[in-house]
Amino acid sequence: MRFDFTLISTFLFASAVLADHSREHRSSQFLDVVEKRTSVTSDPVKVVVSEFAGAILNATTPTFHTITGSISVPVIWGQNGSGVSILVGLDGGPDTHCGAVFAAGVICTIDIDTPVYTGKAVLNHVSTICLTCLLCLRIAAVYWLPGPLIEFTNFEVSYGDLVNVTVSVSDQNTGYATIQNLSKKIALTQPFSAQSPLCQRSAGWIVGKMANRDRAHFGFVPFSQPMAYGQGQEEFTAGGSLVYDMTTDDGTSTSDRCPSLRESDPSHRAVCVGT
């Protein structure tokens, strides 16, 4: 997905951020393979990249109108100025070749050695920001490129919060994003009307670095209950997704450090990322 506005490049799902990647069999410890009730992408594979990690469902024709998932906001640490974004969204996949992206989630940045949690939404990005925090600036915002950034006040996000994100469209140009902080019992919904049409060919749950920032270190990030929806009540779980695995500073991958959620709770459905 394309989240660049100087803040993020993660959900630029589609070009600049992806760069080179190689394919290999996915690691079962990175993504819990769950039932995919309709056929989109079969035989999941893992792609190793340096910019982000997560899971993306791909289709060859317009398919997805809604995506949802709940994010457990992680602890982050690292150098001043570093950050990480945690996003849920439509389009921007490397195989989509679509000019628009609609996404939401949590963006974490460390400034003046104090993590800050903010929220932003945009048809090319919608996200709730997270930074490691004692003294925190908490702002929810919305953006639809190339439109202006809209900020929301009084929307708090903290380490350990469970934040549900839903991104949905009624057609290729119109939609809404809802961010719910289930821990603090607050929510916001922002409608969108974009000039750039979506392709509706990919849906994903992503953790990655932000544009113009070094990547911060982060704890485990489970996306619980990840679901995407298509026309005619079609339901898609994360099973069958294209899995992206991010290399870390010491040369290991995120999948090496992410515990198998299936082993601890067979009923849990989640995409898990951890460094």
Protein backbone atom coordinates (compact mmCIF):
# COMPACT_ATOMS: atom_id res chain seq x y z
CA MET A 1 0.00 0.00 0.00
CA ARG A 2 1.29 3.37 -0.66
CA PHE A 3 1.89 5.20 2.59
CA ASP A 4 4.45 7.75 1.75
CA PHE A 5 3.55 11.35 2.57
CA THR A 6 6.97 11.61 4.19
CA LEU A 7 5.58 9.42 6.94
CA ILE A 8 5.28 6.01 5.45
CA SER A 9 6.26 4.03 2.45
CA THR A 10 4.94 0.71 3.69
CA PHE A 11 1.62 0.56 2.00
CA LEU A 12 2.97 1.80 -1.10
CA PHE A 13 2.25 -1.88 -1.27
CA ALA A 14 2.90 -1.43 -4.88
CA SER A 15 6.18 -0.22 -6.17
CA ALA A 16 8.85 1.82 -4.56
CA VAL A 17 8.79 0.01 -1.30
CA LEU A 18 8.92 -3.50 -2.67
CA ALA A 19 12.12 -3.37 -4.66
CA ASP A 20 13.75 -6.76 -5.24
CA HIS A 21 12.38 -9.90 -3.66
CA SER A 22 12.92 -13.65 -3.96
CA ARG A 23 10.36 -16.40 -3.58
CA GLU A 24 10.62 -19.50 -1.43
CA HIS A 25 8.28 -21.70 0.60
CA ARG A 26 6.59 -19.84 3.42
CA SER A 27 7.43 -20.44 7.06
CA SER A 28 4.53 -21.82 9.07
CA GLN A 29 5.74 -19.83 12.08
CA PHE A 30 5.33 -16.50 10.33
CA LEU A 31 1.76 -16.84 9.15
CA ASP A 32 -0.78 -19.15 10.71
CA VAL A 33 -2.32 -20.79 7.69
CA VAL A 34 -6.04 -20.61 8.15
CA GLU A 35 -8.97 -21.72 6.08
CA LYS A 36 -9.56 -19.74 2.91
CA ARG A 37 -13.20 -20.25 2.10
CA THR A 38 -12.99 -19.15 -1.51
CA SER A 39 -10.20 -19.46 -4.04
CA VAL A 40 -7.97 -16.46 -4.61
CA THR A 41 -4.32 -17.41 -4.24
CA SER A 42 -3.34 -21.01 -3.63
CA ASP A 43 -0.14 -22.58 -2.33
CA PRO A 44 1.18 -19.72 -0.19
CA VAL A 45 4.81 -18.79 -0.72
CA LYS A 46 7.15 -16.58 1.25
CA VAL A 47 8.87 -13.55 -0.26
CA VAL A 48 11.88 -12.13 1.58
CA VAL A 49 12.22 -8.33 1.45
CA SER A 50 13.92 -5.64 3.53
CA GLU A 51 11.09 -3.11 3.83
CA PHE A 52 8.09 -4.91 5.34
CA ALA A 53 6.55 -8.17 6.50
CA GLY A 54 3.02 -9.50 6.50
CA ALA A 55 0.48 -11.24 4.30
CA ILE A 56 -1.27 -10.15 1.11
CA LEU A 57 -4.18 -11.80 -0.70
CA ASN A 58 -4.07 -11.31 -4.47
CA ALA A 59 -6.68 -11.69 -7.19
CA THR A 60 -6.53 -11.14 -10.96
CA THR A 61 -9.88 -9.33 -11.15
CA PRO A 62 -11.66 -6.79 -8.88
CA THR A 63 -12.50 -8.92 -5.84
CA PHE A 64 -12.10 -7.29 -2.42
CA HIS A 65 -14.36 -4.57 -1.05
CA THR A 66 -13.56 -4.80 2.68
CA ILE A 67 -10.64 -5.83 4.86
CA THR A 68 -10.45 -5.94 8.64
CA GLY A 69 -8.16 -7.04 11.45
CA SER A 70 -7.30 -6.21 15.06
CA ILE A 71 -3.79 -5.00 15.88
CA SER A 72 -2.10 -5.52 19.23
CA VAL A 73 0.01 -2.37 19.48
CA PRO A 74 3.59 -3.49 20.20
CA VAL A 75 6.41 -2.02 22.20
CA ILE A 76 8.98 -0.41 19.92
CA TRP A 77 12.53 0.70 20.51
CA GLY A 78 15.42 2.06 18.53
CA GLN A 79 17.26 5.22 17.60
CA ASN A 80 15.68 8.64 17.70
CA GLY A 81 13.85 9.26 14.43
CA SER A 82 13.15 5.61 13.65
CA GLY A 83 9.68 4.20 13.14
CA VAL A 84 7.47 1.38 11.94
CA SER A 85 3.98 1.23 10.43
CA ILE A 86 1.32 -1.42 11.04
CA LEU A 87 -1.35 -1.31 8.37
CA VAL A 88 -4.44 -3.02 6.98
CA GLY A 89 -5.58 -2.10 3.51
CA LEU A 90 -6.79 -2.65 -0.03
CA ASP A 91 -4.58 -2.59 -3.14
CA GLY A 92 -0.92 -1.69 -3.40
CA GLY A 93 0.18 -5.31 -3.72
CA PRO A 94 3.28 -5.84 -5.86
CA ASP A 95 1.25 -7.64 -8.50
CA THR A 96 -1.66 -5.21 -8.48
CA HIS A 97 -0.14 -2.35 -10.50
CA CYS A 98 -2.82 -0.02 -9.22
CA GLY A 99 -2.34 3.71 -8.75
CA ALA A 100 -4.38 3.98 -5.55
CA VAL A 101 -4.24 2.38 -2.11
CA PHE A 102 -6.71 2.48 0.79
CA ALA A 103 -5.25 1.48 4.14
CA ALA A 104 -5.42 2.09 7.88
CA GLY A 105 -3.58 1.02 10.99
CA VAL A 106 -0.92 2.05 13.48
CA ILE A 107 2.25 3.96 12.71
CA CYS A 108 4.95 4.01 15.35
CA THR A 109 7.73 6.57 15.51
CA ILE A 110 10.39 7.48 18.03
CA ASP A 111 11.12 11.18 18.31
CA ILE A 112 13.28 12.78 20.98
CA ASP A 113 13.61 9.27 22.38
CA THR A 114 9.91 9.26 23.26
CA PRO A 115 7.58 7.01 21.24
CA VAL A 116 4.44 8.71 20.01
CA TYR A 117 1.15 7.16 19.02
CA THR A 118 -0.80 8.82 16.27
CA GLY A 119 -3.48 7.76 13.90
CA LYS A 120 -3.81 8.55 10.24
CA ALA A 121 -6.17 7.46 7.61
CA VAL A 122 -5.91 7.81 3.92
CA LEU A 123 -7.22 6.27 0.81
CA ASN A 124 -3.67 5.68 0.11
CA HIS A 125 -3.16 5.46 3.76
CA VAL A 126 -5.17 5.24 6.84
CA SER A 127 -3.34 4.49 9.94
CA THR A 128 -3.11 4.92 13.65
CA ILE A 129 0.38 5.85 14.73
CA CYS A 130 2.28 4.26 17.52
CA LEU A 131 5.46 5.33 19.18
CA THR A 132 7.04 4.23 22.41
CA CYS A 133 5.52 6.49 24.91
CA LEU A 134 5.69 8.19 28.21
CA LEU A 135 4.99 11.68 26.97
CA CYS A 136 3.00 11.00 23.83
CA LEU A 137 1.34 12.96 21.10
CA ARG A 138 -1.76 11.03 20.08
CA ILE A 139 -3.43 12.15 16.88
CA ALA A 140 -5.81 10.35 14.57
CA ALA A 141 -5.68 11.60 11.01
CA VAL A 142 -7.02 10.89 7.54
CA TYR A 143 -5.45 11.35 4.13
CA TRP A 144 -6.36 10.50 0.58
CA LEU A 145 -3.63 11.29 -1.86
CA PRO A 146 -3.33 13.81 -3.26
CA GLY A 147 -5.73 15.49 -0.82
CA PRO A 148 -4.83 17.20 2.44
CA LEU A 149 -4.13 15.44 5.72
CA ILE A 150 -7.05 15.55 8.15
CA GLU A 151 -6.19 15.13 11.83
CA PHE A 152 -8.45 13.80 14.58
CA THR A 153 -7.96 14.92 18.17
CA ASN A 154 -8.79 12.97 21.32
CA PHE A 155 -8.02 9.58 19.79
CA GLU A 156 -5.44 7.82 21.94
CA VAL A 157 -3.33 4.78 21.14
CA SER A 158 -0.89 3.23 23.62
CA TYR A 159 1.38 0.21 23.89
CA GLY A 160 -0.70 -2.90 24.53
CA ASP A 161 -3.95 -1.49 23.13
CA LEU A 162 -6.06 -3.65 20.84
CA VAL A 163 -6.98 -1.58 17.79
CA ASN A 164 -9.48 -2.86 15.23
CA VAL A 165 -9.18 -1.47 11.71
CA THR A 166 -11.74 -1.81 8.91
CA VAL A 167 -11.28 -0.45 5.40
CA SER A 168 -14.25 -0.75 3.05
CA VAL A 169 -15.35 0.57 -0.34
CA SER A 170 -18.77 0.76 -1.98
CA ASP A 171 -17.19 1.29 -5.40
CA GLN A 172 -13.73 1.99 -6.78
CA ASN A 173 -13.87 5.66 -5.81
CA THR A 174 -15.81 5.72 -2.53
CA GLY A 175 -15.28 4.14 0.86
CA TYR A 176 -14.68 4.58 4.56
CA ALA A 177 -12.15 3.65 7.21
CA THR A 178 -13.03 2.85 10.81
CA ILE A 179 -10.44 2.70 13.59
CA GLN A 180 -11.60 1.38 16.97
CA ASN A 181 -9.40 1.36 20.04
CA LEU A 182 -11.12 -1.54 21.78
CA SER A 183 -9.00 -1.09 24.91
CA LYS A 184 -9.98 2.54 25.39
CA LYS A 185 -13.47 2.13 23.91
CA ILE A 186 -13.13 4.94 21.39
CA ALA A 187 -13.69 4.89 17.64
CA LEU A 188 -13.65 7.07 14.57
CA THR A 189 -15.02 6.62 11.06
CA GLN A 190 -13.89 8.67 8.11
CA PRO A 191 -15.64 8.55 4.72
CA PHE A 192 -13.62 8.94 1.54
CA SER A 193 -14.36 9.99 -2.00
CA ALA A 194 -11.24 9.58 -4.13
CA GLN A 195 -10.28 10.73 -7.58
CA SER A 196 -8.02 7.75 -8.16
CA PRO A 197 -9.97 4.48 -8.48
CA LEU A 198 -8.97 1.37 -6.60
CA CYS A 199 -8.37 -1.89 -8.44
CA GLN A 200 -9.70 -4.03 -5.56
CA ARG A 201 -7.29 -6.82 -6.47
CA SER A 202 -5.31 -7.16 -3.25
CA ALA A 203 -5.88 -7.05 0.50
CA GLY A 204 -3.17 -7.20 3.13
CA TRP A 205 -1.94 -6.98 6.72
CA ILE A 206 1.50 -5.36 6.82
CA VAL A 207 4.25 -4.22 9.20
CA GLY A 208 7.06 -2.16 7.69
CA LYS A 209 9.43 0.78 7.77
CA MET A 210 8.39 4.37 7.20
CA ALA A 211 9.67 6.61 4.45
CA ASN A 212 12.67 8.73 5.38
CA ARG A 213 13.10 6.89 8.70
CA ASP A 214 15.20 3.99 9.88
CA ARG A 215 13.15 0.99 10.91
CA ALA A 216 12.50 0.77 14.63
CA HIS A 217 12.64 -2.55 16.45
CA PHE A 218 9.25 -3.87 17.51
CA GLY A 219 7.74 -6.65 19.55
CA PHE A 220 5.36 -9.31 18.27
CA VAL A 221 2.50 -7.87 16.22
CA PRO A 222 -0.44 -10.24 15.90
CA PHE A 223 -3.23 -9.22 13.54
CA SER A 224 -6.14 -11.13 15.07
CA GLN A 225 -9.22 -12.14 13.09
CA PRO A 226 -7.80 -11.04 9.71
CA MET A 227 -10.60 -11.18 7.15
CA ALA A 228 -11.34 -9.80 3.70
CA TYR A 229 -14.69 -9.73 1.95
CA GLY A 230 -15.80 -9.80 -1.67
CA GLN A 231 -19.02 -9.59 -3.59
CA GLY A 232 -21.82 -12.00 -2.80
CA GLN A 233 -20.78 -12.56 0.82
CA GLU A 234 -17.44 -14.07 -0.18
CA GLU A 235 -15.10 -14.38 2.81
CA PHE A 236 -11.33 -14.67 2.69
CA THR A 237 -9.06 -15.47 5.63
CA ALA A 238 -5.29 -14.99 5.64
CA GLY A 239 -4.79 -18.57 4.48
CA GLY A 240 -3.44 -18.64 0.95
CA SER A 241 -1.89 -15.18 1.26
CA LEU A 242 1.43 -14.29 -0.28
CA VAL A 243 3.65 -14.05 2.80
CA TYR A 244 6.31 -11.35 3.08
CA ASP A 245 9.18 -11.94 5.49
CA MET A 246 11.43 -9.03 6.54
CA THR A 247 15.11 -9.45 7.32
CA THR A 248 16.40 -7.88 10.56
CA ASP A 249 19.69 -6.20 11.43
CA ASP A 250 21.37 -9.43 12.51
CA GLY A 251 20.42 -11.24 9.32
CA THR A 252 17.56 -13.30 10.70
CA SER A 253 14.00 -12.99 9.50
CA THR A 254 10.81 -11.95 11.23
CA SER A 255 9.42 -15.46 10.86
CA ASP A 256 12.27 -16.86 12.93
CA ARG A 257 11.11 -14.88 15.95
CA CYS A 258 7.36 -15.10 15.66
CA PRO A 259 5.84 -17.87 17.80
CA SER A 260 3.29 -20.19 16.31
CA LEU A 261 -0.10 -18.96 17.45
CA ARG A 262 -1.68 -22.22 16.43
CA GLU A 263 0.35 -24.12 19.03
CA SER A 264 -0.74 -21.88 21.90
CA ASP A 265 -4.34 -21.47 20.80
CA PRO A 266 -5.66 -23.70 17.99
CA SER A 267 -8.74 -21.47 17.57
CA HIS A 268 -6.72 -18.26 17.10
CA ARG A 269 -6.65 -16.83 13.60
CA ALA A 270 -3.86 -14.35 13.10
CA VAL A 271 -1.05 -13.01 11.01
CA CYS A 272 1.98 -12.63 13.27
CA VAL A 273 5.07 -10.48 12.76
CA GLY A 274 7.95 -10.02 15.21
CA THR A 275 11.58 -8.91 15.31
